[in-house]
Amino acid sequence: MSQTASPQPVTGARVCAIISFVLSAIAILFLPIVFGLAAIALAIVAYATGDKVLGKWAIPVSVVATVLGFVLGYLAVS
């Protein structure tokens, strides 16, 4: 007998983590002060509300993306 895994329900914490990844990608190229901070906040909310796995990854990814966005912005201006 083969046993199939049932899909896990999508929770609000999972949605916050996924949106955090999307905002992190946007923060690299556009307005890191806005999109990066929003990504960090959503990552913390995702971790605090129960999505420990993606939240644990979303926090450092959003911080790195924000810093990278600032560095690229500085290099583009100078």
PDB file of N, CA and C in Angstrom:
ATOM      1  N   MET A   1       0.828  -1.178   0.000  1.00  0.00           N
ATOM      2  CA  MET A   1       0.000   0.000   0.000  1.00  0.00           C
ATOM      3  C   MET A   1       0.870   1.237   0.000  1.00  0.00           C
ATOM      4  N   SER A   2       0.547   2.119  -0.877  1.00  0.00           N
ATOM      5  CA  SER A   2       1.281   3.377  -0.867  1.00  0.00           C
ATOM      6  C   SER A   2       0.463   4.402  -0.101  1.00  0.00           C
ATOM      7  N   GLN A   3       1.190   5.185   0.624  1.00  0.00           N
ATOM      8  CA  GLN A   3       0.531   6.189   1.445  1.00  0.00           C
ATOM      9  C   GLN A   3       0.948   7.561   0.930  1.00  0.00           C
ATOM     10  N   THR A   4      -0.022   8.396   0.586  1.00  0.00           N
ATOM     11  CA  THR A   4       0.288   9.722   0.081  1.00  0.00           C
ATOM     12  C   THR A   4       0.213  10.726   1.212  1.00  0.00           C
ATOM     13  N   ALA A   5       1.075  11.702   1.128  1.00  0.00           N
ATOM     14  CA  ALA A   5       1.086  12.747   2.145  1.00  0.00           C
ATOM     15  C   ALA A   5      -0.006  13.758   1.829  1.00  0.00           C
ATOM     16  N   SER A   6      -0.739  14.117   2.838  1.00  0.00           N
ATOM     17  CA  SER A   6      -1.781  15.117   2.634  1.00  0.00           C
ATOM     18  C   SER A   6      -1.148  16.504   2.713  1.00  0.00           C
ATOM     19  N   PRO A   7      -1.591  17.435   1.886  1.00  0.00           N
ATOM     20  CA  PRO A   7      -1.013  18.782   1.917  1.00  0.00           C
ATOM     21  C   PRO A   7      -1.350  19.491   3.219  1.00  0.00           C
ATOM     22  N   GLN A   8      -0.389  20.253   3.699  1.00  0.00           N
ATOM     23  CA  GLN A   8      -0.618  20.998   4.930  1.00  0.00           C
ATOM     24  C   GLN A   8      -1.461  22.232   4.629  1.00  0.00           C
ATOM     25  N   PRO A   9      -2.325  22.603   5.529  1.00  0.00           N
ATOM     26  CA  PRO A   9      -3.142  23.799   5.291  1.00  0.00           C
ATOM     27  C   PRO A   9      -2.279  25.055   5.310  1.00  0.00           C
ATOM     28  N   VAL A  10      -2.629  26.002   4.480  1.00  0.00           N
ATOM     29  CA  VAL A  10      -1.906  27.270   4.419  1.00  0.00           C
ATOM     30  C   VAL A  10      -2.428  28.161   5.539  1.00  0.00           C
ATOM     31  N   THR A  11      -1.526  28.607   6.374  1.00  0.00           N
ATOM     32  CA  THR A  11      -1.906  29.455   7.496  1.00  0.00           C
ATOM     33  C   THR A  11      -1.470  30.890   7.240  1.00  0.00           C
ATOM     34  N   GLY A  12      -1.914  31.771   8.079  1.00  0.00           N
ATOM     35  CA  GLY A  12      -1.528  33.170   7.954  1.00  0.00           C
ATOM     36  C   GLY A  12      -0.035  33.371   8.155  1.00  0.00           C
ATOM     37  N   ALA A  13       0.565  32.571   9.019  1.00  0.00           N
ATOM     38  CA  ALA A  13       1.998  32.671   9.253  1.00  0.00           C
ATOM     39  C   ALA A  13       2.774  32.260   8.008  1.00  0.00           C
ATOM     40  N   ARG A  14       2.308  31.231   7.313  1.00  0.00           N
ATOM     41  CA  ARG A  14       2.978  30.788   6.089  1.00  0.00           C
ATOM     42  C   ARG A  14       2.872  31.862   5.007  1.00  0.00           C
ATOM     43  N   VAL A  15       1.720  32.505   4.913  1.00  0.00           N
ATOM     44  CA  VAL A  15       1.530  33.575   3.932  1.00  0.00           C
ATOM     45  C   VAL A  15       2.455  34.743   4.243  1.00  0.00           C
ATOM     46  N   CYS A  16       2.605  35.095   5.513  1.00  0.00           N
ATOM     47  CA  CYS A  16       3.513  36.180   5.896  1.00  0.00           C
ATOM     48  C   CYS A  16       4.952  35.847   5.516  1.00  0.00           C
ATOM     49  N   ALA A  17       5.355  34.611   5.713  1.00  0.00           N
ATOM     50  CA  ALA A  17       6.723  34.208   5.371  1.00  0.00           C
ATOM     51  C   ALA A  17       6.951  34.282   3.865  1.00  0.00           C
ATOM     52  N   ILE A  18       5.995  33.835   3.082  1.00  0.00           N
ATOM     53  CA  ILE A  18       6.141  33.867   1.627  1.00  0.00           C
ATOM     54  C   ILE A  18       6.171  35.308   1.125  1.00  0.00           C
ATOM     55  N   ILE A  19       5.309  36.154   1.658  1.00  0.00           N
ATOM     56  CA  ILE A  19       5.317  37.565   1.262  1.00  0.00           C
ATOM     57  C   ILE A  19       6.634  38.222   1.664  1.00  0.00           C
ATOM     58  N   SER A  20       7.191  37.798   2.783  1.00  0.00           N
ATOM     59  CA  SER A  20       8.479  38.322   3.220  1.00  0.00           C
ATOM     60  C   SER A  20       9.581  38.007   2.213  1.00  0.00           C
ATOM     61  N   PHE A  21       9.572  36.784   1.662  1.00  0.00           N
ATOM     62  CA  PHE A  21      10.559  36.433   0.639  1.00  0.00           C
ATOM     63  C   PHE A  21      10.378  37.291  -0.614  1.00  0.00           C
ATOM     64  N   VAL A  22       9.146  37.527  -0.995  1.00  0.00           N
ATOM     65  CA  VAL A  22       8.876  38.342  -2.189  1.00  0.00           C
ATOM     66  C   VAL A  22       9.342  39.782  -1.963  1.00  0.00           C
ATOM     67  N   LEU A  23       9.024  40.334  -0.807  1.00  0.00           N
ATOM     68  CA  LEU A  23       9.453  41.696  -0.502  1.00  0.00           C
ATOM     69  C   LEU A  23      10.971  41.797  -0.402  1.00  0.00           C
ATOM     70  N   SER A  24      11.625  40.733   0.044  1.00  0.00           N
ATOM     71  CA  SER A  24      13.086  40.723   0.103  1.00  0.00           C
ATOM     72  C   SER A  24      13.682  40.842  -1.290  1.00  0.00           C
ATOM     73  N   ALA A  25      13.096  40.125  -2.230  1.00  0.00           N
ATOM     74  CA  ALA A  25      13.591  40.198  -3.603  1.00  0.00           C
ATOM     75  C   ALA A  25      13.368  41.590  -4.185  1.00  0.00           C
ATOM     76  N   ILE A  26      12.247  42.195  -3.880  1.00  0.00           N
ATOM     77  CA  ILE A  26      11.968  43.542  -4.377  1.00  0.00           C
ATOM     78  C   ILE A  26      12.909  44.559  -3.728  1.00  0.00           C
ATOM     79  N   ALA A  27      13.243  44.339  -2.447  1.00  0.00           N
ATOM     80  CA  ALA A  27      14.088  45.285  -1.715  1.00  0.00           C
ATOM     81  C   ALA A  27      15.499  45.353  -2.264  1.00  0.00           C
ATOM     82  N   ILE A  28      15.941  44.338  -2.966  1.00  0.00           N
ATOM     83  CA  ILE A  28      17.285  44.375  -3.533  1.00  0.00           C
ATOM     84  C   ILE A  28      17.381  45.460  -4.606  1.00  0.00           C
ATOM     85  N   LEU A  29      16.315  45.660  -5.351  1.00  0.00           N
ATOM     86  CA  LEU A  29      16.360  46.599  -6.467  1.00  0.00           C
ATOM     87  C   LEU A  29      15.623  47.912  -6.224  1.00  0.00           C
ATOM     88  N   PHE A  30      14.574  47.900  -5.416  1.00  0.00           N
ATOM     89  CA  PHE A  30      13.731  49.083  -5.252  1.00  0.00           C
ATOM     90  C   PHE A  30      13.500  49.387  -3.777  1.00  0.00           C
ATOM     91  N   LEU A  31      13.779  50.588  -3.364  1.00  0.00           N
ATOM     92  CA  LEU A  31      13.455  51.109  -2.029  1.00  0.00           C
ATOM     93  C   LEU A  31      13.698  50.106  -0.891  1.00  0.00           C
ATOM     94  N   PRO A  32      14.942  49.795  -0.602  1.00  0.00           N
ATOM     95  CA  PRO A  32      15.206  48.817   0.460  1.00  0.00           C
ATOM     96  C   PRO A  32      14.740  49.287   1.834  1.00  0.00           C
ATOM     97  N   ILE A  33      14.666  50.600   2.044  1.00  0.00           N
ATOM     98  CA  ILE A  33      14.208  51.090   3.346  1.00  0.00           C
ATOM     99  C   ILE A  33      12.743  50.746   3.578  1.00  0.00           C
ATOM    100  N   VAL A  34      11.955  50.690   2.535  1.00  0.00           N
ATOM    101  CA  VAL A  34      10.532  50.385   2.659  1.00  0.00           C
ATOM    102  C   VAL A  34      10.293  48.879   2.568  1.00  0.00           C
ATOM    103  N   PHE A  35      10.700  48.295   1.444  1.00  0.00           N
ATOM    104  CA  PHE A  35      10.424  46.877   1.213  1.00  0.00           C
ATOM    105  C   PHE A  35      11.243  45.969   2.132  1.00  0.00           C
ATOM    106  N   GLY A  36      12.464  46.372   2.425  1.00  0.00           N
ATOM    107  CA  GLY A  36      13.300  45.562   3.304  1.00  0.00           C
ATOM    108  C   GLY A  36      12.777  45.523   4.725  1.00  0.00           C
ATOM    109  N   LEU A  37      12.408  46.689   5.231  1.00  0.00           N
ATOM    110  CA  LEU A  37      11.868  46.712   6.596  1.00  0.00           C
ATOM    111  C   LEU A  37      10.524  45.987   6.685  1.00  0.00           C
ATOM    112  N   ALA A  38       9.715  46.091   5.645  1.00  0.00           N
ATOM    113  CA  ALA A  38       8.454  45.354   5.627  1.00  0.00           C
ATOM    114  C   ALA A  38       8.718  43.848   5.588  1.00  0.00           C
ATOM    115  N   ALA A  39       9.734  43.446   4.835  1.00  0.00           N
ATOM    116  CA  ALA A  39      10.080  42.025   4.761  1.00  0.00           C
ATOM    117  C   ALA A  39      10.567  41.510   6.108  1.00  0.00           C
ATOM    118  N   ILE A  40      11.385  42.301   6.790  1.00  0.00           N
ATOM    119  CA  ILE A  40      11.873  41.899   8.108  1.00  0.00           C
ATOM    120  C   ILE A  40      10.717  41.784   9.092  1.00  0.00           C
ATOM    121  N   ALA A  41       9.822  42.762   9.069  1.00  0.00           N
ATOM    122  CA  ALA A  41       8.680  42.740   9.988  1.00  0.00           C
ATOM    123  C   ALA A  41       7.789  41.528   9.728  1.00  0.00           C
ATOM    124  N   LEU A  42       7.509  41.243   8.459  1.00  0.00           N
ATOM    125  CA  LEU A  42       6.665  40.088   8.148  1.00  0.00           C
ATOM    126  C   LEU A  42       7.358  38.772   8.499  1.00  0.00           C
ATOM    127  N   ALA A  43       8.662  38.715   8.344  1.00  0.00           N
ATOM    128  CA  ALA A  43       9.393  37.503   8.718  1.00  0.00           C
ATOM    129  C   ALA A  43       9.314  37.261  10.225  1.00  0.00           C
ATOM    130  N   ILE A  44       9.428  38.328  10.994  1.00  0.00           N
ATOM    131  CA  ILE A  44       9.320  38.190  12.455  1.00  0.00           C
ATOM    132  C   ILE A  44       7.907  37.785  12.850  1.00  0.00           C
ATOM    133  N   VAL A  45       6.914  38.371  12.192  1.00  0.00           N
ATOM    134  CA  VAL A  45       5.520  37.993  12.466  1.00  0.00           C
ATOM    135  C   VAL A  45       5.285  36.523  12.118  1.00  0.00           C
ATOM    136  N   ALA A  46       5.824  36.080  10.995  1.00  0.00           N
ATOM    137  CA  ALA A  46       5.659  34.680  10.588  1.00  0.00           C
ATOM    138  C   ALA A  46       6.287  33.747  11.609  1.00  0.00           C
ATOM    139  N   TYR A  47       7.470  34.089  12.072  1.00  0.00           N
ATOM    140  CA  TYR A  47       8.136  33.238  13.063  1.00  0.00           C
ATOM    141  C   TYR A  47       7.382  33.234  14.387  1.00  0.00           C
ATOM    142  N   ALA A  48       6.918  34.412  14.801  1.00  0.00           N
ATOM    143  CA  ALA A  48       6.248  34.519  16.097  1.00  0.00           C
ATOM    144  C   ALA A  48       4.871  33.863  16.100  1.00  0.00           C
ATOM    145  N   THR A  49       4.199  33.834  14.946  1.00  0.00           N
ATOM    146  CA  THR A  49       2.847  33.280  14.920  1.00  0.00           C
ATOM    147  C   THR A  49       2.799  31.798  14.592  1.00  0.00           C
ATOM    148  N   GLY A  50       3.954  31.182  14.401  1.00  0.00           N
ATOM    149  CA  GLY A  50       3.920  29.731  14.321  1.00  0.00           C
ATOM    150  C   GLY A  50       4.638  29.070  13.171  1.00  0.00           C
ATOM    151  N   ASP A  51       5.026  29.801  12.149  1.00  0.00           N
ATOM    152  CA  ASP A  51       5.742  29.156  11.048  1.00  0.00           C
ATOM    153  C   ASP A  51       7.235  29.253  11.328  1.00  0.00           C
ATOM    154  N   LYS A  52       7.711  28.352  12.193  1.00  0.00           N
ATOM    155  CA  LYS A  52       9.095  28.400  12.652  1.00  0.00           C
ATOM    156  C   LYS A  52      10.078  28.064  11.536  1.00  0.00           C
ATOM    157  N   VAL A  53       9.701  27.184  10.624  1.00  0.00           N
ATOM    158  CA  VAL A  53      10.634  26.736   9.590  1.00  0.00           C
ATOM    159  C   VAL A  53      10.908  27.851   8.586  1.00  0.00           C
ATOM    160  N   LEU A  54       9.871  28.365   7.941  1.00  0.00           N
ATOM    161  CA  LEU A  54      10.088  29.430   6.957  1.00  0.00           C
ATOM    162  C   LEU A  54      10.450  30.752   7.627  1.00  0.00           C
ATOM    163  N   GLY A  55       9.908  30.999   8.801  1.00  0.00           N
ATOM    164  CA  GLY A  55      10.244  32.227   9.515  1.00  0.00           C
ATOM    165  C   GLY A  55      11.707  32.281   9.888  1.00  0.00           C
ATOM    166  N   LYS A  56      12.262  31.118  10.233  1.00  0.00           N
ATOM    167  CA  LYS A  56      13.677  31.030  10.584  1.00  0.00           C
ATOM    168  C   LYS A  56      14.560  31.379   9.384  1.00  0.00           C
ATOM    169  N   TRP A  57      14.106  31.051   8.192  1.00  0.00           N
ATOM    170  CA  TRP A  57      14.847  31.376   6.974  1.00  0.00           C
ATOM    171  C   TRP A  57      14.541  32.785   6.473  1.00  0.00           C
ATOM    172  N   ALA A  58      13.331  33.234   6.664  1.00  0.00           N
ATOM    173  CA  ALA A  58      12.920  34.529   6.118  1.00  0.00           C
ATOM    174  C   ALA A  58      13.605  35.695   6.819  1.00  0.00           C
ATOM    175  N   ILE A  59      13.883  35.564   8.091  1.00  0.00           N
ATOM    176  CA  ILE A  59      14.502  36.673   8.828  1.00  0.00           C
ATOM    177  C   ILE A  59      15.902  36.996   8.282  1.00  0.00           C
ATOM    178  N   PRO A  60      16.827  36.036   8.218  1.00  0.00           N
ATOM    179  CA  PRO A  60      18.150  36.408   7.684  1.00  0.00           C
ATOM    180  C   PRO A  60      18.128  36.759   6.197  1.00  0.00           C
ATOM    181  N   VAL A  61      17.256  36.127   5.427  1.00  0.00           N
ATOM    182  CA  VAL A  61      17.171  36.456   3.999  1.00  0.00           C
ATOM    183  C   VAL A  61      16.726  37.898   3.822  1.00  0.00           C
ATOM    184  N   SER A  62      15.747  38.331   4.594  1.00  0.00           N
ATOM    185  CA  SER A  62      15.263  39.703   4.458  1.00  0.00           C
ATOM    186  C   SER A  62      16.293  40.717   4.943  1.00  0.00           C
ATOM    187  N   VAL A  63      17.034  40.383   5.976  1.00  0.00           N
ATOM    188  CA  VAL A  63      18.079  41.295   6.456  1.00  0.00           C
ATOM    189  C   VAL A  63      19.187  41.424   5.412  1.00  0.00           C
ATOM    190  N   VAL A  64      19.628  40.295   4.866  1.00  0.00           N
ATOM    191  CA  VAL A  64      20.682  40.326   3.845  1.00  0.00           C
ATOM    192  C   VAL A  64      20.207  41.067   2.592  1.00  0.00           C
ATOM    193  N   ALA A  65      18.970  40.837   2.187  1.00  0.00           N
ATOM    194  CA  ALA A  65      18.443  41.515   1.004  1.00  0.00           C
ATOM    195  C   ALA A  65      18.350  43.022   1.227  1.00  0.00           C
ATOM    196  N   THR A  66      17.998  43.438   2.428  1.00  0.00           N
ATOM    197  CA  THR A  66      17.919  44.861   2.733  1.00  0.00           C
ATOM    198  C   THR A  66      19.297  45.504   2.674  1.00  0.00           C
ATOM    199  N   VAL A  67      20.274  44.862   3.293  1.00  0.00           N
ATOM    200  CA  VAL A  67      21.634  45.392   3.272  1.00  0.00           C
ATOM    201  C   VAL A  67      22.173  45.413   1.842  1.00  0.00           C
ATOM    202  N   LEU A  68      21.909  44.358   1.091  1.00  0.00           N
ATOM    203  CA  LEU A  68      22.355  44.304  -0.299  1.00  0.00           C
ATOM    204  C   LEU A  68      21.700  45.412  -1.123  1.00  0.00           C
ATOM    205  N   GLY A  69      20.443  45.695  -0.862  1.00  0.00           N
ATOM    206  CA  GLY A  69      19.764  46.787  -1.554  1.00  0.00           C
ATOM    207  C   GLY A  69      20.397  48.131  -1.248  1.00  0.00           C
ATOM    208  N   PHE A  70      20.784  48.350   0.019  1.00  0.00           N
ATOM    209  CA  PHE A  70      21.462  49.593   0.358  1.00  0.00           C
ATOM    210  C   PHE A  70      22.821  49.692  -0.318  1.00  0.00           C
ATOM    211  N   VAL A  71      23.558  48.591  -0.355  1.00  0.00           N
ATOM    212  CA  VAL A  71      24.882  48.606  -0.974  1.00  0.00           C
ATOM    213  C   VAL A  71      24.758  48.865  -2.478  1.00  0.00           C
ATOM    214  N   LEU A  72      23.841  48.186  -3.126  1.00  0.00           N
ATOM    215  CA  LEU A  72      23.650  48.416  -4.564  1.00  0.00           C
ATOM    216  C   LEU A  72      23.179  49.839  -4.847  1.00  0.00           C
ATOM    217  N   GLY A  73      22.337  50.373  -4.001  1.00  0.00           N
ATOM    218  CA  GLY A  73      21.902  51.760  -4.149  1.00  0.00           C
ATOM    219  C   GLY A  73      23.053  52.735  -3.992  1.00  0.00           C
ATOM    220  N   TYR A  74      23.918  52.470  -3.037  1.00  0.00           N
ATOM    221  CA  TYR A  74      25.089  53.318  -2.842  1.00  0.00           C
ATOM    222  C   TYR A  74      26.016  53.251  -4.051  1.00  0.00           C
ATOM    223  N   LEU A  75      26.240  52.046  -4.547  1.00  0.00           N
ATOM    224  CA  LEU A  75      27.117  51.889  -5.708  1.00  0.00           C
ATOM    225  C   LEU A  75      26.530  52.539  -6.950  1.00  0.00           C
ATOM    226  N   ALA A  76      25.230  52.525  -7.083  1.00  0.00           N
ATOM    227  CA  ALA A  76      24.592  53.131  -8.249  1.00  0.00           C
ATOM    228  C   ALA A  76      24.682  54.654  -8.195  1.00  0.00           C
ATOM    229  N   VAL A  77      24.624  55.225  -7.008  1.00  0.00           N
ATOM    230  CA  VAL A  77      24.658  56.673  -6.872  1.00  0.00           C
ATOM    231  C   VAL A  77      26.083  57.207  -6.983  1.00  0.00           C
ATOM    232  N   SER A  78      27.032  56.489  -6.417  1.00  0.00           N
ATOM    233  CA  SER A  78      28.420  56.987  -6.430  1.00  0.00           C
ATOM    234  C   SER A  78      29.168  56.681  -7.697  1.00  0.00           C
TER     235      SER A  78
END
